[in-house]
Amino acid sequence: MTNKYNYQVGHVFDFYGSSYQIADISYGSIRYSAIKGGKVFRVSISQFDQISAHEKFSWDSTNLPARLNIEAVKNRCRRQSYVSAAIKEMLNPRNERHLKKLIPIIASELNDNNPPSAKTVGRWVRRFQQDSRGLEDKRPSGNMTLRYDPLIEQLILEAINKIYLKKERRSAKDVEAYLIGRLIETGLMITDQESITIPTIRTIQRRISELDPYVVMQARQGKYAAQRYVRSAGRTLRSYTALTLVQIDTHVLDIIVIDELTGEPVGRPYLVCIIDIATRMVVGYYVSLFPPSATTTLAALAYMLIHYGIPAQIVPDNGVELKNTSFSRVCSSLYISIVRAQVQDPNGKAHIESFFRTLTYALTQKIPGTTFSNPAQRGSYDSKDNACFTLEEIRLLIHEWIHNIYHKSIHRTTGRAPEIAWKDEIKIIVPNKLSEAEVQVLLRQPHKRTIHNGTVVFEHLIYTSHALSVFEGEVVTIMVDELDLSFVYVNHPEKADANIKADSVDPEYTRGLTIYEHRESLKIKSELSKKDINAIGKYTLQYARYLLLERINEGTKIARKWLRSVMNKAIQPPNVEQAVQQKYPAHNPDDSTDSRLIQATTTNNQDEFTSITLSMDN
C-alpha cells in the first residue's frame, strides 16, 4: 500500500483538539500516539487517509512532506517548555526583565546548558500566541523510491508476516529461506535470475530491525505487553491552566447507608467525581446508589458546566457505559476532547485516584458504618449494625468536606490550596460556563417518537401537551433528561429553535425519577407479572374469558327462547264486530246507540292489546 500523502515518522497533528505524533510507518500501516498520555493507535494507511481528510484534522507543520527528525522534536519540546512556563508564571510572558529571572530556573529543570536569551523566548511566545504551530522546525523531504522490484518487496513483506511475526522465535535466516522458496516456486530464480536483485540476509536483517517494535511485541507477546513497551513514548498528562484537562472516574464509597424511612441498610453509594489537573479543584461530583453509567456521569458533568465551566479535554474511565452514549454526544457538541486512559495503566488517572484515597482515609472511614478497605482492617466491626447515615446525609458530609476542608488544604504536589489556585487561574482565562437552562436542554438524550392525540411515549411513560395536538401523526425528536423523567422537551416540527414542554401524565411516579430507576422498576414489574401468571396458571385468563363468553352465549339463548314463547302467546286484537253480532243478533247498524257501543268496545280492546305488546317489549 503506497503512502500517497508522504506521511513521515515524527509528524505531529491535531485531531479534535488533541495532539498526536506518528511513531511508525511500515508495511501499509501507521502507528501514532497521543502526545499527552501516550495512548497507542494503529490503523492502515487508507484509514489514516480518511482521518487526515476530516475537518477536525490539522497538521502541526505547514509543509506536509517535511521530515521531523529527533533533533527537530527535541527543539520543539525545548521551546514549548520555555513558552509554557512563561505563559503560566507571568502575566506578561514577553516581558524580558522577568524572563531573565525565569529562564535560569527552567534551564536548570531541563538540564539545558545553552539556555536561550530573554529576547529569544519572547519571540517564541509571540510566535506561539499567533499560531501554536509556530515553534515547529521545517525540513526538506527525502527520497521515497523503492530499492527492489515491487514483486520482491511484496514477497519480503509476506515472508516477514508469515515467518517472523509469530509467537515462535524465528530468525532472519528463516525469513530468507521462505523468500528464496517462494522465488523458486514462482520461477523468478530461474527465468529472471539476471534481471532481478535478490535480497541478501543482511538486507532482511535490516528490514526486520526497521519493523515497528509495537508490531513485533504484539505478535510475539500480546497486545498489553506491546502497549507497556511503547508507553514511554507518551508524555505525562499535564495541565497548566484551569479546565485545560480534567479527569473523571467513579468510586465505591467505603460506607453503608440506610433507608431514610425504614432505617434498614441499603448498600454502598457510588461517587462520580471530576477533578481539574492544574489546580486539583473538584469541579464536579454526584453521589448516588446507582452503579457507574452514562446517566450518573452526566450528573457530575452538569454540575461542572454550571458552576465551573467547559473543559478542553476530559479523561474518562474505559467503561463501556461511556461509549456511544449521551456523554460522548455532549462532549462532541461542546468540542470537549475525550482522551481515553491507557488500558491496565495505574497512572492513567493518578490524580483522581489520589483524591479518592484522600477522601477514603480523611472522611468515609471515620463515619459509623464504614466498611474499611478490606476485611483485615474491618476485623469484628459490623458495618451494617453501625450504619446510621442516609444517602442524603452522606451527600451533605461529602459536600462539606470537599468545599470546607479539601479545597482549603495545601496540596502536597502543587504546594497550593486548590481553591486559591483556582481563583488565580480563572483571572487569566475566564471559564465559559453554561446556564442551568442551557444544561437542562443540552444534557438531554434525543429520541424519535410519533405524536398521537397530543402525546408522546417514551419507555412506557406518556407525556402530553395541548400544543402537540395539532401535529397528529408527525415524527418528532424528544429530548429526555435521564436524571429526571418528569417531563420531556419536544422539538417543534416547524421551528428548529423552539421546544415544547410535555409533562408526564403520572407526575407522582415520575417526579425526580431517573432512567435507571424506571428501567429497574419495569424489570421488577415484569418479574412480578411472570410470577402472577405462574401462580394463576399460564392459560387461566384465557380460560376464564372462554367461560364468560359461554355464559353470555347461554344466557342469550335462554333470553331469545323466552322472547319467542312470549311472542307466540301474544294477544291478538279480536274481531269486535263479529263478537257484537254474536252477542246482539238483532243488531241494527243504523242505530246510533249500537254504533257508539261497537266503537267504544273496539277502542278498549285495541288499548288492551297495545298495553300487552309494550309489556312484552320491555
Foldseek 3Di string as FASTA:
>chain_A
DDLVQQAEFQWWKFALRFIKGWHADDDQKTWIATQAQGDIDMDGSVVVVVRCPDPRMDTLDPDRNFYQDPVQVVQLVLLVQLLLCLVLPDLQSLPQVVSVVVQVVSCVVVVPPDTDHSNVNSVSNVLCVVPVSSSGDGHDHDDDDDPFDPVLVVLLVVLCVVAPLAQDHDDLVSSLVSSVVVCVVVVCCPPVVPPGDRDDSVNSVVVVVSDDQLSSCCSHPRNVRSCVVSSVSHDHHADSFWQQEKEKEKDWAQFWAADPPPRATDGTKMKIWIATRNLRATQFIDIDRDPDAPQRNLRRVLSNQAPPAHHQEYEYEPDPRCPPDLNVVLCVVVSYHYDYFDPPDCSSPVSVVVVSVCCRVVPRVVAQLGNPDDCVVCPPPDSRVRHDHHRVRVVVVVVCCSPPPQQCDQDPVVRHRSVVSNVVRCVSPPHHHDHSVVSVQSSFDKDKFFDAQQWTDDLNWIWGDPVSNVVHGDIWIWTANQQARQWIWTQDPVDRPDTDITGTPCNVVRGRDGNVNSVVVVVVVVVVVVVVCVVCDVCNVVVVVVVVVVVVVVVVVVVVVVLVVLVVPQDDQDPLVVVVCVVPVVDDVVDPVVVVVSVVVSVVSVVVSVVSVVVSVD
